[in-house]
Amino acid sequence: MKALAAQGKPTREIARILTAEGHPTKRGGTWSSPTVSRILARAATAQEVN
């Protein structure tokens, strides 16, 4: 996910790719743009803290 974002892919495209590749979400669902956005935002915040 981070690699796709680093390539400049929009969150909607990242969600589509993850779903197409069969990567389930934590609850076993399909990916959505807001879910990808939240995860990337949390990862960026966590990286700033470290």
N, C-alpha and C. Protein backbone atom coordinates (compact mmCIF):
# COMPACT_ATOMS: atom_id res chain seq x y z
N MET A 1 0.82 -1.18 0.00
CA MET A 1 0.00 0.00 0.00
C MET A 1 0.87 1.25 0.00
N LYS A 2 1.89 1.27 0.86
CA LYS A 2 2.78 2.43 0.91
C LYS A 2 3.53 2.60 -0.42
N ALA A 3 3.92 1.48 -1.01
CA ALA A 3 4.65 1.54 -2.28
C ALA A 3 3.76 2.12 -3.38
N LEU A 4 2.51 1.71 -3.41
CA LEU A 4 1.59 2.24 -4.42
C LEU A 4 1.35 3.72 -4.21
N ALA A 5 1.22 4.13 -2.95
CA ALA A 5 1.03 5.55 -2.64
C ALA A 5 2.28 6.34 -3.04
N ALA A 6 3.44 5.77 -2.81
CA ALA A 6 4.69 6.45 -3.17
C ALA A 6 4.82 6.62 -4.68
N GLN A 7 4.16 5.74 -5.44
CA GLN A 7 4.16 5.86 -6.90
C GLN A 7 3.16 6.91 -7.38
N GLY A 8 2.42 7.49 -6.44
CA GLY A 8 1.46 8.52 -6.80
C GLY A 8 0.07 8.02 -7.15
N LYS A 9 -0.19 6.75 -6.84
CA LYS A 9 -1.51 6.18 -7.14
C LYS A 9 -2.54 6.80 -6.19
N PRO A 10 -3.72 7.15 -6.69
CA PRO A 10 -4.77 7.65 -5.81
C PRO A 10 -5.33 6.53 -4.93
N THR A 11 -5.92 6.90 -3.80
CA THR A 11 -6.42 5.89 -2.86
C THR A 11 -7.48 4.99 -3.49
N ARG A 12 -8.27 5.53 -4.38
CA ARG A 12 -9.29 4.71 -5.06
C ARG A 12 -8.63 3.61 -5.88
N GLU A 13 -7.55 3.94 -6.56
CA GLU A 13 -6.83 2.95 -7.38
C GLU A 13 -6.14 1.92 -6.48
N ILE A 14 -5.57 2.36 -5.36
CA ILE A 14 -4.93 1.44 -4.42
C ILE A 14 -5.96 0.45 -3.90
N ALA A 15 -7.15 0.93 -3.53
CA ALA A 15 -8.22 0.06 -3.05
C ALA A 15 -8.61 -0.95 -4.12
N ARG A 16 -8.73 -0.51 -5.37
CA ARG A 16 -9.10 -1.41 -6.46
C ARG A 16 -8.03 -2.49 -6.64
N ILE A 17 -6.77 -2.12 -6.58
CA ILE A 17 -5.67 -3.07 -6.77
C ILE A 17 -5.66 -4.10 -5.63
N LEU A 18 -5.78 -3.63 -4.40
CA LEU A 18 -5.77 -4.55 -3.25
C LEU A 18 -6.92 -5.55 -3.33
N THR A 19 -8.09 -5.07 -3.70
CA THR A 19 -9.25 -5.95 -3.84
C THR A 19 -9.04 -6.94 -4.98
N ALA A 20 -8.55 -6.45 -6.12
CA ALA A 20 -8.34 -7.31 -7.29
C ALA A 20 -7.30 -8.40 -7.01
N GLU A 21 -6.30 -8.07 -6.19
CA GLU A 21 -5.25 -9.05 -5.86
C GLU A 21 -5.69 -10.01 -4.76
N GLY A 22 -6.88 -9.79 -4.22
CA GLY A 22 -7.41 -10.71 -3.22
C GLY A 22 -6.96 -10.47 -1.80
N HIS A 23 -6.45 -9.27 -1.51
CA HIS A 23 -6.02 -8.94 -0.15
C HIS A 23 -7.25 -8.52 0.65
N PRO A 24 -7.63 -9.29 1.66
CA PRO A 24 -8.81 -8.91 2.44
C PRO A 24 -8.48 -7.79 3.43
N THR A 25 -9.50 -7.05 3.82
CA THR A 25 -9.32 -6.07 4.88
C THR A 25 -9.26 -6.82 6.21
N LYS A 26 -9.03 -6.11 7.29
CA LYS A 26 -8.94 -6.73 8.60
C LYS A 26 -10.19 -7.55 8.92
N ARG A 27 -11.34 -7.06 8.48
CA ARG A 27 -12.60 -7.76 8.75
C ARG A 27 -13.03 -8.66 7.60
N GLY A 28 -12.17 -8.82 6.61
CA GLY A 28 -12.46 -9.74 5.52
C GLY A 28 -13.24 -9.14 4.37
N GLY A 29 -13.41 -7.85 4.36
CA GLY A 29 -14.18 -7.19 3.31
C GLY A 29 -13.32 -6.72 2.15
N THR A 30 -13.90 -5.89 1.33
CA THR A 30 -13.17 -5.31 0.21
C THR A 30 -12.66 -3.93 0.60
N TRP A 31 -11.66 -3.47 -0.11
CA TRP A 31 -11.03 -2.20 0.18
C TRP A 31 -11.84 -1.03 -0.38
N SER A 32 -11.79 0.09 0.33
CA SER A 32 -12.42 1.31 -0.15
C SER A 32 -11.40 2.44 -0.04
N SER A 33 -11.65 3.49 -0.77
CA SER A 33 -10.75 4.64 -0.75
C SER A 33 -10.59 5.24 0.65
N PRO A 34 -11.67 5.44 1.41
CA PRO A 34 -11.51 5.99 2.76
C PRO A 34 -10.69 5.08 3.69
N THR A 35 -10.84 3.77 3.54
CA THR A 35 -10.08 2.84 4.37
C THR A 35 -8.60 2.97 4.07
N VAL A 36 -8.24 2.99 2.80
CA VAL A 36 -6.85 3.14 2.40
C VAL A 36 -6.30 4.47 2.91
N SER A 37 -7.08 5.52 2.76
CA SER A 37 -6.66 6.85 3.20
C SER A 37 -6.38 6.89 4.70
N ARG A 38 -7.25 6.29 5.50
CA ARG A 38 -7.05 6.26 6.96
C ARG A 38 -5.78 5.50 7.33
N ILE A 39 -5.57 4.36 6.68
CA ILE A 39 -4.38 3.56 6.99
C ILE A 39 -3.11 4.30 6.64
N LEU A 40 -3.09 4.94 5.47
CA LEU A 40 -1.91 5.70 5.07
C LEU A 40 -1.66 6.89 5.98
N ALA A 41 -2.74 7.55 6.42
CA ALA A 41 -2.60 8.69 7.33
C ALA A 41 -2.03 8.24 8.67
N ARG A 42 -2.54 7.12 9.19
CA ARG A 42 -2.02 6.59 10.46
C ARG A 42 -0.56 6.19 10.33
N ALA A 43 -0.19 5.60 9.20
CA ALA A 43 1.19 5.18 8.99
C ALA A 43 2.11 6.40 8.94
N ALA A 44 1.65 7.47 8.31
CA ALA A 44 2.45 8.69 8.22
C ALA A 44 2.61 9.32 9.60
N THR A 45 1.55 9.31 10.40
CA THR A 45 1.62 9.87 11.75
C THR A 45 2.55 9.04 12.61
N ALA A 46 2.46 7.73 12.51
CA ALA A 46 3.32 6.85 13.29
C ALA A 46 4.78 7.05 12.92
N GLN A 47 5.03 7.28 11.64
CA GLN A 47 6.40 7.48 11.18
C GLN A 47 6.95 8.79 11.72
N GLU A 48 6.12 9.82 11.84
CA GLU A 48 6.55 11.11 12.37
C GLU A 48 6.92 11.00 13.84
N VAL A 49 6.20 10.16 14.57
CA VAL A 49 6.43 9.99 15.99
C VAL A 49 7.76 9.28 16.25
N ASN A 50 8.06 8.30 15.40
CA ASN A 50 9.30 7.53 15.57
C ASN A 50 10.43 8.31 15.10
